[in-house]
Amino acid sequence: MLASLRRLHRLRPIAAAATLRRAAAPSLSPPPPPPPKLLHFIPFSSSSTTPLSKPILCKSSEYEVEKRGVEGIAEEIDEGIVEHVRQGSDTDAYAAIELALDSVVKVFTVSSSPNYFLPWQNKAQRESMGSGFVIPGRRIVTNAHVVADHTFVLVRKHGSPTKYKAEVQAVGHECDLALLSVENKEFWEGMHFLELGDIPFLQEAVAVVGYPQGGDNISVTKGVVSRVEPTQYAHGAAQLMAIQIDAAINPGNSGGPAMMGDKVAGVAFQNLSGAENIGYIIPVPIIKHFIAGIEEKGKYVGFCSLGLACQPTENSQLREHFRMRPDTTGVIINKINPLSDAAKVLKKDDVVLSFDGVPIANDGTVPFRNRERITFDHLVSMKKPGEKAILKVLRDGIEHELSISVRPLQPLVPVHQFDKLPSYYIFAGFIFVPLTQPYLHEYGEDWYNTSPRKLCEKALRELPNKPGEQLVILSQVLMDDINTGYERLSELQVKKVNGVEVENLKHLCRLVEGCQDESLKFDLDEGRVIVLNYKNAKLATSRILKRHRIPTAMSSDLIDEQAADLEIKSACVR
């Protein structure tokens, strides 16, 4: 799974010229694009791969078969289809393109990402560009990674020199989707709202519309659907349904629509590095689920999970051991998230036979459309938060039907943390932070191999045991007399403070700030220990902050937490 994740790349928004110059190192930047071609707009041609506007079902009577023969009818049908393509497909294709031109916009984003090694400051501001399209309700759909960590967003219509300020209404980083709004009424004049269609079938043609690298004007490329299945989303690391197409998808296409006829078949969002003509679009069911959650709850609600780790039962000896009949299929539960509702109902080594009446095969897949199969996780992800699911399980040779509530689940170590500042706490020069995958990403593109091995394993494999739990680590040591000799104890998890187990960073902050003992003791991973004179360490903290020009000893969320605690204490005294 990790290998696949490293090869899948979200489509990087096109960086502005100044940013490209700053990031000219070959190891950090993609090679410069080839010289732009004269034509940036690529119209549809009347090729045989252009789909019919609707499938044509040709059924002949017995009399016609007798009179003209099977070959004669087949020849006539073929001629009719070819004639339909000649007369209708070009018109439909160009009409769809014209429709998209009044719907697709260019998105200009100014963003600033946090520095997780120095969490009190941001990295340098950068400018990037992507695509988007308008939908009913005067909203613009684009990718989450186009507006991630944004500070300012502008949009521009096709054929217009004016840029309009846009506000980010909602962002779903798991599904890599975002909704924008524009208050200026002038922007909406002449705009056409695109309708969402259905999941296209294999080999159906799609047109990807957007603003990829190589030019400033809108571009249209054509391709066909190659595959439909759950795929790792590179931006949010979620496993959701995606559509693979062979149309050219390049940086800057992110957020643009893939058109099928006059409706949207998906949103361009990533490609496969090292391969040719393998791009991915987000299908309509994922888009609708994202939008429906926002309309119902007023905010992004996420995608549901059962919280299970399952194993295929393709080995006959394994099935026999778990008392599965020859006609029984399913998957074995290896691990259950303790915070999931499934933990109250299911047990390890239960065999999940079906989900909502849909039988699960021994490889974990379920039927999908015409002789296609997808993993049953897709059925779970399409549920609404709090909705019930009926699971048939085999336990000790006996079948049971169990009702389980599904909801989005948060991992122990967050996979992404966009649009917010990281938490930190500094005491006596020791920088404490919660472990997150973005922190590990600071070790570079190959973070899986270059980051601390133990932290990486914990981030990818450990599950939470209680709500709000975090793995707090000692990130680094800002040298001072007070911490001399402890400088090599960085990148270790903090287990206890004065004998009390640490639940999260806020808990560690309360334990340190509320210390009443003369000495303060930190128990770290690998049996390491830090002991400080509390009074001297408290005095050293302000000295170290001033020396390193750090504005505060803790992040804003911890300051707010302390203020809330003081208010509660004051209310109790009264």
Protein backbone atom coordinates (compact mmCIF):
# COMPACT_ATOMS: atom_id res chain seq x y z
CA MET A 1 0.00 0.00 0.00
CA LEU A 2 2.82 2.38 0.86
CA ALA A 3 4.55 1.71 -2.45
CA SER A 4 1.36 2.59 -4.29
CA LEU A 5 0.96 5.75 -2.22
CA ARG A 6 4.44 6.94 -3.12
CA ARG A 7 3.81 6.45 -6.82
CA LEU A 8 0.43 8.19 -6.88
CA HIS A 9 0.84 11.94 -7.11
CA ARG A 10 -1.80 14.55 -6.64
CA LEU A 11 -1.62 17.00 -9.52
CA ARG A 12 0.53 19.78 -8.14
CA PRO A 13 -1.04 23.18 -8.79
CA ILE A 14 1.15 25.13 -11.18
CA ALA A 15 3.53 27.29 -9.18
CA ALA A 16 3.98 30.90 -10.19
CA ALA A 17 7.18 31.88 -12.00
CA ALA A 18 8.83 33.35 -8.89
CA THR A 19 8.17 30.21 -6.92
CA LEU A 20 9.57 28.06 -9.69
CA ARG A 21 12.79 30.01 -9.63
CA ARG A 22 13.11 29.57 -5.88
CA ALA A 23 12.50 25.84 -6.17
CA ALA A 24 14.90 25.15 -8.98
CA ALA A 25 16.69 22.21 -7.32
CA PRO A 26 16.17 19.04 -9.39
CA SER A 27 15.43 16.93 -6.30
CA LEU A 28 12.59 19.22 -5.19
CA SER A 29 10.99 20.30 -8.44
CA PRO A 30 9.71 18.49 -11.49
CA PRO A 31 11.66 19.06 -14.71
CA PRO A 32 10.61 22.14 -16.68
CA PRO A 33 7.68 21.53 -19.06
CA PRO A 34 8.37 21.14 -22.76
CA PRO A 35 8.00 24.22 -24.98
CA PRO A 36 4.31 25.10 -25.31
CA LYS A 37 2.55 24.13 -28.47
CA LEU A 38 0.67 26.66 -30.55
CA LEU A 39 -2.73 25.12 -29.87
CA HIS A 40 -3.82 24.93 -26.25
CA PHE A 41 -7.43 24.19 -27.13
CA ILE A 42 -7.79 20.64 -28.45
CA PRO A 43 -11.21 20.04 -30.04
CA PHE A 44 -12.86 16.66 -30.34
CA SER A 45 -12.27 14.86 -33.61
CA SER A 46 -14.78 12.57 -35.28
CA SER A 47 -12.93 9.43 -34.23
CA SER A 48 -14.59 6.09 -33.69
CA THR A 49 -13.86 6.30 -29.96
CA THR A 50 -16.34 9.15 -29.49
CA PRO A 51 -19.32 7.62 -27.64
CA LEU A 52 -22.93 7.72 -28.74
CA SER A 53 -25.04 10.22 -26.83
CA LYS A 54 -27.16 7.24 -25.68
CA PRO A 55 -26.63 3.49 -26.09
CA ILE A 56 -28.58 2.17 -29.08
CA LEU A 57 -30.37 -1.14 -28.57
CA CYS A 58 -31.10 -2.82 -31.92
CA LYS A 59 -33.45 -5.76 -31.73
CA SER A 60 -34.80 -7.38 -34.93
CA SER A 61 -37.91 -9.53 -35.33
CA GLU A 62 -37.75 -13.22 -36.39
CA TYR A 63 -39.28 -12.29 -39.77
CA GLU A 64 -36.52 -9.78 -40.50
CA VAL A 65 -33.84 -12.30 -39.60
CA GLU A 66 -35.40 -14.88 -41.93
CA LYS A 67 -35.81 -12.43 -44.77
CA ARG A 68 -32.42 -10.66 -44.74
CA GLY A 69 -30.21 -12.97 -42.69
CA VAL A 70 -28.16 -12.21 -39.61
CA GLU A 71 -25.24 -10.72 -41.56
CA GLY A 72 -27.49 -8.30 -43.43
CA ILE A 73 -29.05 -6.99 -40.25
CA ALA A 74 -25.66 -6.69 -38.53
CA GLU A 75 -24.30 -4.73 -41.49
CA GLU A 76 -27.30 -2.40 -41.41
CA ILE A 77 -26.93 -1.86 -37.66
CA ASP A 78 -23.22 -1.05 -38.04
CA GLU A 79 -23.99 1.44 -40.80
CA GLY A 80 -26.63 3.08 -38.61
CA ILE A 81 -24.22 3.43 -35.70
CA VAL A 82 -21.49 4.87 -37.90
CA GLU A 83 -23.97 7.31 -39.42
CA HIS A 84 -25.13 8.30 -35.91
CA VAL A 85 -21.53 8.95 -34.91
CA ARG A 86 -20.89 11.03 -38.05
CA GLN A 87 -24.04 13.15 -37.66
CA GLY A 88 -24.43 13.40 -33.90
CA SER A 89 -21.19 12.89 -32.07
CA ASP A 90 -19.33 15.92 -33.40
CA THR A 91 -22.30 18.17 -32.67
CA ASP A 92 -22.72 16.74 -29.16
CA ALA A 93 -18.99 16.95 -28.46
CA TYR A 94 -18.63 20.56 -29.56
CA ALA A 95 -21.82 21.50 -27.69
CA ALA A 96 -20.39 19.93 -24.54
CA ILE A 97 -17.13 21.82 -25.00
CA GLU A 98 -18.96 25.12 -25.46
CA LEU A 99 -20.94 24.34 -22.32
CA ALA A 100 -17.77 23.70 -20.35
CA LEU A 101 -16.12 26.92 -21.55
CA ASP A 102 -18.83 28.92 -19.75
CA SER A 103 -18.44 26.81 -16.62
CA VAL A 104 -14.74 26.15 -15.99
CA VAL A 105 -12.64 28.69 -14.10
CA LYS A 106 -8.96 29.15 -13.31
CA VAL A 107 -8.15 29.18 -9.59
CA PHE A 108 -5.25 31.28 -8.25
CA THR A 109 -4.16 30.39 -4.72
CA VAL A 110 -1.73 32.03 -2.32
CA SER A 111 -0.81 29.57 0.43
CA SER A 112 1.56 29.22 3.34
CA SER A 113 2.18 25.82 4.93
CA PRO A 114 3.25 25.32 8.56
CA ASN A 115 6.80 24.34 9.45
CA TYR A 116 6.38 21.27 11.64
CA PHE A 117 10.01 21.31 12.81
CA LEU A 118 9.58 24.97 13.89
CA PRO A 119 5.83 24.92 14.59
CA TRP A 120 5.57 28.57 15.71
CA GLN A 121 6.25 29.77 12.15
CA ASN A 122 5.08 29.16 8.58
CA LYS A 123 7.08 28.37 5.49
CA ALA A 124 7.53 30.91 2.71
CA GLN A 125 4.38 32.03 0.92
CA ARG A 126 3.84 30.47 -2.50
CA GLU A 127 1.48 31.01 -5.41
CA SER A 128 -0.14 28.22 -7.42
CA MET A 129 -2.89 27.69 -9.97
CA GLY A 130 -5.54 25.05 -10.58
CA SER A 131 -8.96 24.62 -12.15
CA GLY A 132 -12.58 24.50 -11.01
CA PHE A 133 -16.14 24.50 -12.35
CA VAL A 134 -19.46 25.97 -11.28
CA ILE A 135 -22.46 23.96 -10.09
CA PRO A 136 -26.02 24.96 -9.12
CA GLY A 137 -26.22 27.13 -6.04
CA ARG A 138 -23.49 29.49 -7.26
CA ARG A 139 -20.70 27.30 -5.98
CA ILE A 140 -17.37 26.32 -7.49
CA VAL A 141 -16.00 22.77 -7.18
CA THR A 142 -12.24 22.28 -7.12
CA ASN A 143 -9.65 20.04 -5.45
CA ALA A 144 -8.78 20.36 -1.78
CA HIS A 145 -5.06 20.35 -2.60
CA VAL A 146 -5.57 23.38 -4.87
CA VAL A 147 -6.64 25.52 -1.87
CA ALA A 148 -4.86 23.67 0.98
CA ASP A 149 -3.30 26.05 3.56
CA HIS A 150 -4.65 28.98 1.56
CA THR A 151 -4.35 32.59 2.64
CA PHE A 152 -5.96 34.15 -0.44
CA VAL A 153 -7.92 32.73 -3.41
CA LEU A 154 -8.88 34.31 -6.75
CA VAL A 155 -10.82 32.88 -9.71
CA ARG A 156 -10.99 33.90 -13.37
CA LYS A 157 -13.54 33.01 -16.02
CA HIS A 158 -12.61 31.79 -19.48
CA GLY A 159 -12.17 34.72 -21.84
CA SER A 160 -12.14 37.29 -19.02
CA PRO A 161 -9.12 39.35 -17.85
CA THR A 162 -10.67 39.98 -14.42
CA LYS A 163 -9.91 37.97 -11.31
CA TYR A 164 -12.51 37.75 -8.55
CA LYS A 165 -11.94 37.05 -4.87
CA ALA A 166 -13.26 33.65 -3.74
CA GLU A 167 -13.96 32.26 -0.27
CA VAL A 168 -13.45 28.63 0.67
CA GLN A 169 -16.81 27.33 1.94
CA ALA A 170 -15.84 23.76 2.78
CA VAL A 171 -12.90 21.41 2.29
CA GLY A 172 -12.77 17.61 2.36
CA HIS A 173 -9.12 16.63 2.38
CA GLU A 174 -9.92 12.89 2.45
CA CYS A 175 -11.80 13.06 -0.85
CA ASP A 176 -9.66 15.95 -2.19
CA LEU A 177 -12.65 18.21 -2.87
CA ALA A 178 -13.45 21.80 -1.96
CA LEU A 179 -16.32 24.25 -2.49
CA LEU A 180 -15.68 27.93 -3.22
CA SER A 181 -18.06 30.88 -3.35
CA VAL A 182 -17.78 34.27 -5.05
CA GLU A 183 -19.82 37.20 -3.73
CA ASN A 184 -19.30 39.49 -6.72
CA LYS A 185 -22.47 39.23 -8.85
CA GLU A 186 -20.61 40.30 -11.97
CA PHE A 187 -18.67 37.03 -11.88
CA TRP A 188 -21.83 34.96 -12.32
CA GLU A 189 -23.06 36.80 -15.40
CA GLY A 190 -23.02 34.41 -18.37
CA MET A 191 -21.88 31.43 -16.29
CA HIS A 192 -23.50 28.04 -16.94
CA PHE A 193 -23.93 25.60 -14.06
CA LEU A 194 -22.79 22.06 -14.84
CA GLU A 195 -24.89 19.07 -13.83
CA LEU A 196 -23.38 15.93 -12.29
CA GLY A 197 -23.85 12.75 -14.33
CA ASP A 198 -23.18 9.08 -13.55
CA ILE A 199 -20.21 6.73 -13.37
CA PRO A 200 -19.11 6.11 -16.98
CA PHE A 201 -18.68 2.59 -18.30
CA LEU A 202 -15.37 1.22 -19.52
CA GLN A 203 -14.17 2.66 -22.84
CA GLU A 204 -16.65 5.57 -22.70
CA ALA A 205 -15.02 8.79 -23.88
CA VAL A 206 -14.48 11.74 -21.55
CA ALA A 207 -13.08 15.23 -22.11
CA VAL A 208 -10.91 16.80 -19.40
CA VAL A 209 -11.26 20.59 -19.29
CA GLY A 210 -8.92 22.82 -17.30
CA TYR A 211 -5.84 24.99 -17.17
CA PRO A 212 -2.79 22.67 -17.20
CA GLN A 213 0.83 23.72 -17.45
CA GLY A 214 2.11 24.85 -20.84
CA GLY A 215 -0.09 27.90 -21.30
CA ASP A 216 -2.51 30.36 -19.75
CA ASN A 217 -5.66 29.57 -21.75
CA ILE A 218 -8.15 26.77 -21.23
CA SER A 219 -7.25 23.33 -22.56
CA VAL A 220 -9.37 20.31 -23.50
CA THR A 221 -8.01 16.77 -23.82
CA LYS A 222 -9.86 13.60 -24.72
CA GLY A 223 -9.56 10.03 -23.48
CA VAL A 224 -11.51 6.95 -22.47
CA VAL A 225 -12.33 5.28 -19.16
CA SER A 226 -9.85 2.50 -18.43
CA ARG A 227 -10.79 1.31 -14.93
CA VAL A 228 -13.19 2.01 -12.05
CA GLU A 229 -12.15 0.90 -8.57
CA PRO A 230 -11.19 2.16 -5.08
CA THR A 231 -7.80 3.89 -5.21
CA GLN A 232 -5.47 5.55 -2.74
CA TYR A 233 -6.08 9.30 -2.81
CA ALA A 234 -2.60 10.85 -2.65
CA HIS A 235 -3.70 14.08 -0.94
CA GLY A 236 -5.73 12.67 1.94
CA ALA A 237 -4.43 9.07 1.89
CA ALA A 238 -8.00 7.72 1.90
CA GLN A 239 -9.08 4.65 -0.06
CA LEU A 240 -12.06 5.79 -2.13
CA MET A 241 -13.52 5.04 -5.53
CA ALA A 242 -11.71 6.65 -8.47
CA ILE A 243 -11.91 6.45 -12.27
CA GLN A 244 -8.75 5.82 -14.29
CA ILE A 245 -8.64 7.47 -17.71
CA ASP A 246 -6.02 7.76 -20.44
CA ALA A 247 -6.59 11.47 -21.18
CA ALA A 248 -3.65 13.76 -20.52
CA ILE A 249 -3.91 15.09 -16.94
CA ASN A 250 -1.14 17.45 -15.88
CA PRO A 251 -0.41 19.91 -13.06
CA GLY A 252 -2.99 22.68 -13.29
CA ASN A 253 -5.78 20.30 -14.40
CA SER A 254 -6.56 19.74 -10.71
CA GLY A 255 -10.18 20.55 -9.97
CA GLY A 256 -11.26 20.67 -13.63
CA PRO A 257 -14.24 18.61 -14.80
CA ALA A 258 -14.10 15.45 -16.89
CA MET A 259 -17.09 15.83 -19.21
CA MET A 260 -19.17 13.01 -20.65
CA GLY A 261 -21.70 14.52 -22.99
CA ASP A 262 -23.16 17.60 -21.31
CA LYS A 263 -22.63 16.34 -17.75
CA VAL A 264 -19.73 15.98 -15.35
CA ALA A 265 -18.34 12.44 -15.00
CA GLY A 266 -15.68 13.38 -12.44
CA VAL A 267 -13.04 15.82 -11.20
CA ALA A 268 -9.40 15.51 -12.31
CA PHE A 269 -7.09 15.17 -9.29
CA GLN A 270 -4.01 12.93 -9.64
CA ASN A 271 -1.85 10.81 -11.94
CA LEU A 272 0.51 7.86 -11.67
CA SER A 273 4.18 8.80 -11.81
CA GLY A 274 6.42 6.69 -13.99
CA ALA A 275 3.50 5.61 -16.20
CA GLU A 276 2.13 7.03 -19.42
CA ASN A 277 -1.45 8.23 -19.84
CA ILE A 278 -2.69 7.06 -16.44
CA GLY A 279 -4.74 9.79 -14.79
CA TYR A 280 -7.51 9.69 -12.20
CA ILE A 281 -10.78 11.54 -11.72
CA ILE A 282 -13.02 11.65 -8.65
CA PRO A 283 -16.35 10.00 -9.59
CA VAL A 284 -19.78 11.56 -9.14
CA PRO A 285 -20.89 9.43 -6.12
CA ILE A 286 -17.92 10.78 -4.11
CA ILE A 287 -18.71 14.35 -5.20
CA LYS A 288 -22.40 13.98 -4.31
CA HIS A 289 -21.56 12.45 -0.92
CA PHE A 290 -19.23 15.39 -0.19
CA ILE A 291 -21.81 18.02 -1.20
CA ALA A 292 -24.75 16.28 0.50
CA GLY A 293 -22.90 16.17 3.83
CA ILE A 294 -22.21 19.91 3.63
CA GLU A 295 -25.83 20.72 2.72
CA GLU A 296 -27.21 18.59 5.58
CA LYS A 297 -24.74 19.40 8.35
CA GLY A 298 -23.37 22.75 7.23
CA LYS A 299 -19.81 21.38 7.19
CA TYR A 300 -17.75 18.53 5.80
CA VAL A 301 -18.67 15.30 7.61
CA GLY A 302 -16.18 12.82 6.15
CA PHE A 303 -16.51 9.25 4.92
CA CYS A 304 -17.59 6.39 7.15
CA SER A 305 -15.53 3.39 8.21
CA LEU A 306 -16.20 0.17 10.10
CA GLY A 307 -12.77 0.35 11.72
CA LEU A 308 -11.85 -3.19 10.67
CA ALA A 309 -8.68 -4.75 9.32
CA CYS A 310 -9.67 -7.86 7.37
CA GLN A 311 -7.87 -10.81 5.79
CA PRO A 312 -8.95 -12.66 2.61
CA THR A 313 -10.02 -16.30 2.95
CA GLU A 314 -8.79 -17.59 -0.40
CA ASN A 315 -6.92 -20.51 1.19
CA SER A 316 -9.12 -23.61 1.56
CA GLN A 317 -7.37 -24.71 4.77
CA LEU A 318 -8.04 -21.32 6.32
CA ARG A 319 -11.73 -21.53 5.42
CA GLU A 320 -11.95 -25.03 6.84
CA HIS A 321 -10.34 -23.90 10.11
CA PHE A 322 -12.96 -21.17 10.56
CA ARG A 323 -15.75 -23.67 9.73
CA MET A 324 -16.81 -22.01 6.49
CA ARG A 325 -18.98 -24.15 4.23
CA PRO A 326 -17.92 -24.63 0.56
CA ASP A 327 -20.66 -22.23 -0.56
CA THR A 328 -19.78 -19.61 2.10
CA THR A 329 -17.54 -16.66 1.27
CA GLY A 330 -16.23 -13.76 3.34
CA VAL A 331 -13.23 -12.16 5.05
CA ILE A 332 -11.74 -12.65 8.53
CA ILE A 333 -11.48 -9.77 11.01
CA ASN A 334 -7.88 -9.38 12.20
CA LYS A 335 -8.10 -6.09 14.08
CA ILE A 336 -10.87 -3.76 15.31
CA ASN A 337 -10.51 -0.05 16.09
CA PRO A 338 -11.33 0.22 19.82
CA LEU A 339 -13.16 3.53 19.24
CA SER A 340 -15.46 2.17 16.51
CA ASP A 341 -19.01 0.97 17.15
CA ALA A 342 -17.96 -2.34 15.60
CA ALA A 343 -15.75 -2.98 18.67
CA LYS A 344 -18.94 -3.33 20.76
CA VAL A 345 -20.49 -5.92 18.45
CA LEU A 346 -17.83 -7.76 16.45
CA LYS A 347 -14.93 -9.90 17.63
CA LYS A 348 -11.53 -10.78 16.28
CA ASP A 349 -11.69 -13.89 14.01
CA ASP A 350 -15.32 -13.24 13.07
CA VAL A 351 -15.92 -13.91 9.36
CA VAL A 352 -17.85 -11.11 7.62
CA LEU A 353 -20.08 -12.80 5.04
CA SER A 354 -22.17 -9.90 3.70
CA PHE A 355 -22.72 -6.16 4.06
CA ASP A 356 -26.31 -4.88 3.79
CA GLY A 357 -27.28 -8.11 2.04
CA VAL A 358 -24.46 -7.93 -0.54
CA PRO A 359 -22.32 -11.10 -0.34
CA ILE A 360 -18.58 -10.53 0.16
CA ALA A 361 -16.23 -12.74 -1.85
CA ASN A 362 -13.20 -14.47 -0.35
CA ASP A 363 -10.96 -11.70 -1.70
CA GLY A 364 -13.05 -8.97 -0.03
CA THR A 365 -14.81 -7.74 -3.17
CA VAL A 366 -18.49 -7.27 -4.02
CA PRO A 367 -20.28 -7.18 -7.42
CA PHE A 368 -20.27 -3.85 -9.23
CA ARG A 369 -22.13 -3.17 -12.47
CA ASN A 370 -21.49 -5.49 -15.41
CA ARG A 371 -19.00 -8.19 -14.32
CA GLU A 372 -16.89 -5.67 -12.40
CA ARG A 373 -15.91 -6.02 -8.75
CA ILE A 374 -14.78 -3.56 -6.07
CA THR A 375 -13.77 -3.92 -2.43
CA PHE A 376 -16.67 -3.83 0.02
CA ASP A 377 -15.09 -0.77 1.70
CA HIS A 378 -16.79 1.29 -1.00
CA LEU A 379 -20.22 0.28 0.32
CA VAL A 380 -19.17 1.38 3.80
CA SER A 381 -17.75 4.73 2.65
CA MET A 382 -21.00 5.66 0.88
CA LYS A 383 -23.01 5.41 4.12
CA LYS A 384 -24.04 8.57 5.96
CA PRO A 385 -22.53 9.14 9.43
CA GLY A 386 -24.65 7.43 12.07
CA GLU A 387 -26.42 5.22 9.54
CA LYS A 388 -26.94 1.55 10.41
CA ALA A 389 -25.47 -1.33 8.42
CA ILE A 390 -26.48 -4.99 8.59
CA LEU A 391 -23.53 -7.40 8.70
CA LYS A 392 -23.87 -11.16 8.45
CA VAL A 393 -20.97 -12.77 10.32
CA LEU A 394 -19.86 -16.31 11.00
CA ARG A 395 -18.74 -16.84 14.61
CA ASP A 396 -17.71 -20.29 15.84
CA GLY A 397 -19.53 -21.87 12.88
CA ILE A 398 -22.81 -20.06 13.59
CA GLU A 399 -24.17 -17.25 11.41
CA HIS A 400 -25.37 -14.01 13.04
CA GLU A 401 -26.98 -10.85 11.64
CA LEU A 402 -25.70 -7.78 13.47
CA SER A 403 -26.63 -4.11 13.18
CA ILE A 404 -23.70 -1.69 13.39
CA SER A 405 -23.62 2.11 13.24
CA VAL A 406 -20.93 3.49 10.92
CA ARG A 407 -19.18 6.86 11.22
CA PRO A 408 -15.91 8.56 10.26
CA LEU A 409 -13.00 7.43 12.44
CA GLN A 410 -9.87 9.39 13.25
CA PRO A 411 -6.52 7.57 13.40
CA LEU A 412 -4.21 7.85 16.39
CA VAL A 413 -1.67 9.73 14.26
CA PRO A 414 -3.38 12.23 11.89
CA VAL A 415 -2.65 11.55 8.23
CA HIS A 416 -3.10 15.18 7.20
CA GLN A 417 -3.44 18.50 9.01
CA PHE A 418 -4.20 21.24 6.51
CA ASP A 419 -5.60 24.73 7.12
CA LYS A 420 -4.54 24.80 10.77
CA LEU A 421 -1.42 25.58 12.77
CA PRO A 422 0.36 22.69 14.48
CA SER A 423 0.26 22.41 18.27
CA TYR A 424 3.46 22.74 20.30
CA TYR A 425 4.65 23.30 23.87
CA ILE A 426 8.12 24.52 24.86
CA PHE A 427 9.54 24.05 28.34
CA ALA A 428 13.22 24.48 29.30
CA GLY A 429 14.15 24.33 25.60
CA PHE A 430 12.39 21.01 25.01
CA ILE A 431 9.89 21.23 22.10
CA PHE A 432 6.95 18.87 22.59
CA VAL A 433 4.57 18.19 19.69
CA PRO A 434 1.90 15.58 18.85
CA LEU A 435 3.10 13.06 16.28
CA THR A 436 1.47 13.57 12.87
CA GLN A 437 2.27 12.32 9.40
CA PRO A 438 2.88 15.89 8.17
CA TYR A 439 5.64 16.07 10.81
CA LEU A 440 7.21 12.94 9.29
CA HIS A 441 6.80 14.42 5.80
CA GLU A 442 9.26 17.15 6.80
CA TYR A 443 11.97 14.49 6.37
CA GLY A 444 11.48 14.70 2.60
CA GLU A 445 9.81 12.89 -0.28
CA ASP A 446 11.18 9.55 0.93
CA TRP A 447 9.97 10.17 4.50
CA TYR A 448 9.06 6.50 5.02
CA ASN A 449 12.76 5.57 4.84
CA THR A 450 14.37 8.76 6.18
CA SER A 451 12.15 9.54 9.20
CA PRO A 452 12.80 7.90 12.61
CA ARG A 453 11.85 4.25 12.14
CA LYS A 454 10.03 3.78 15.44
CA LEU A 455 7.93 6.93 15.01
CA CYS A 456 7.06 5.92 11.46
CA GLU A 457 5.91 2.45 12.55
CA LYS A 458 3.75 3.93 15.30
CA ALA A 459 2.24 6.45 12.92
CA LEU A 460 1.20 3.80 10.42
CA ARG A 461 0.12 0.92 12.67
CA GLU A 462 -0.99 1.93 16.16
CA LEU A 463 -4.67 2.47 16.98
CA PRO A 464 -6.16 4.86 19.58
CA ASN A 465 -7.44 3.38 22.85
CA LYS A 466 -9.40 6.40 24.06
CA PRO A 467 -10.90 9.57 22.49
CA GLY A 468 -8.50 12.50 22.19
CA GLU A 469 -5.41 10.33 22.56
CA GLN A 470 -2.17 11.57 20.96
CA LEU A 471 1.40 10.35 20.75
CA VAL A 472 3.41 13.24 22.22
CA ILE A 473 7.06 13.36 21.17
CA LEU A 474 10.10 15.40 22.11
CA SER A 475 10.77 16.96 18.71
CA GLN A 476 14.06 18.73 19.42
CA VAL A 477 16.11 20.47 22.12
CA LEU A 478 16.97 24.19 22.01
CA MET A 479 20.35 24.18 23.73
CA ASP A 480 20.86 25.92 27.05
CA ASP A 481 22.67 25.32 30.34
CA ILE A 482 19.47 23.87 31.81
CA ASN A 483 19.27 21.01 29.27
CA THR A 484 22.95 20.27 28.66
CA GLY A 485 23.45 16.52 28.26
CA TYR A 486 19.88 15.94 27.06
CA GLU A 487 20.43 17.20 23.50
CA ARG A 488 20.45 13.69 21.99
CA LEU A 489 17.09 12.68 23.45
CA SER A 490 15.00 14.16 20.62
CA GLU A 491 12.53 12.26 18.41
CA LEU A 492 11.34 10.07 21.31
CA GLN A 493 7.81 9.59 22.62
CA VAL A 494 7.00 11.09 26.04
CA LYS A 495 5.37 8.37 28.13
CA LYS A 496 4.95 9.96 31.60
CA VAL A 497 5.34 13.24 33.46
CA ASN A 498 6.11 12.77 37.17
CA GLY A 499 4.74 9.24 36.96
CA VAL A 500 1.44 10.20 35.26
CA GLU A 501 0.81 8.73 31.80
CA VAL A 502 0.52 11.39 29.10
CA GLU A 503 -2.79 11.31 27.19
CA ASN A 504 -2.14 14.15 24.75
CA LEU A 505 -0.23 17.42 24.40
CA LYS A 506 -2.82 19.42 26.34
CA HIS A 507 -2.56 16.92 29.19
CA LEU A 508 1.25 17.18 29.18
CA CYS A 509 0.98 20.98 29.27
CA ARG A 510 -1.36 20.83 32.29
CA LEU A 511 0.94 18.39 34.10
CA VAL A 512 4.01 20.59 33.58
CA GLU A 513 2.34 23.93 34.29
CA GLY A 514 0.63 22.56 37.38
CA CYS A 515 3.73 20.85 38.83
CA GLN A 516 4.00 21.30 42.61
CA ASP A 517 7.19 19.24 43.13
CA GLU A 518 10.74 20.53 43.29
CA SER A 519 11.80 18.27 40.41
CA LEU A 520 10.11 17.53 37.10
CA LYS A 521 10.64 14.10 35.55
CA PHE A 522 9.89 13.04 31.97
CA ASP A 523 9.83 9.32 31.13
CA LEU A 524 10.60 8.83 27.44
CA ASP A 525 10.54 5.92 25.04
CA GLU A 526 13.40 3.39 25.20
CA GLY A 527 13.57 3.90 28.99
CA ARG A 528 15.20 7.35 28.72
CA VAL A 529 14.65 9.86 31.55
CA ILE A 530 14.84 13.66 31.85
CA VAL A 531 14.95 15.28 35.31
CA LEU A 532 14.86 19.06 35.79
CA ASN A 533 14.74 21.46 38.71
CA TYR A 534 11.27 22.88 38.09
CA LYS A 535 11.95 26.41 39.36
CA ASN A 536 15.19 26.81 37.37
CA ALA A 537 13.61 25.26 34.26
CA LYS A 538 10.70 27.69 34.47
CA LEU A 539 13.10 30.65 34.55
CA ALA A 540 15.18 29.21 31.69
CA THR A 541 12.14 28.89 29.44
CA SER A 542 11.63 32.64 29.01
CA ARG A 543 15.37 33.11 28.42
CA ILE A 544 15.41 30.46 25.67
CA LEU A 545 12.28 31.87 23.98
CA LYS A 546 13.85 35.33 23.83
CA ARG A 547 17.13 33.98 22.46
CA HIS A 548 15.38 32.09 19.62
CA ARG A 549 12.79 34.86 18.95
CA ILE A 550 9.89 32.52 19.67
CA PRO A 551 6.75 34.58 20.48
CA THR A 552 5.06 32.17 22.93
CA ALA A 553 5.90 28.98 24.79
CA MET A 554 2.77 27.24 23.50
CA SER A 555 0.49 27.21 20.46
CA SER A 556 -2.76 29.19 20.37
CA ASP A 557 -4.94 26.13 21.04
CA LEU A 558 -3.08 25.43 24.29
CA ILE A 559 -3.32 29.10 25.30
CA ASP A 560 -7.09 28.94 24.75
CA GLU A 561 -7.23 25.73 26.78
CA GLN A 562 -5.37 27.39 29.68
CA ALA A 563 -7.69 30.41 29.55
CA ALA A 564 -10.73 28.11 29.69
CA ASP A 565 -9.25 26.26 32.69
CA LEU A 566 -8.68 29.57 34.52
CA GLU A 567 -12.28 30.63 33.88
CA ILE A 568 -13.55 27.34 35.31
CA LYS A 569 -11.35 27.71 38.41
CA SER A 570 -12.51 31.31 38.91
CA ALA A 571 -16.14 30.23 38.64
CA CYS A 572 -15.56 27.48 41.24
CA VAL A 573 -13.96 29.97 43.68
CA ARG A 574 -16.95 32.29 43.41
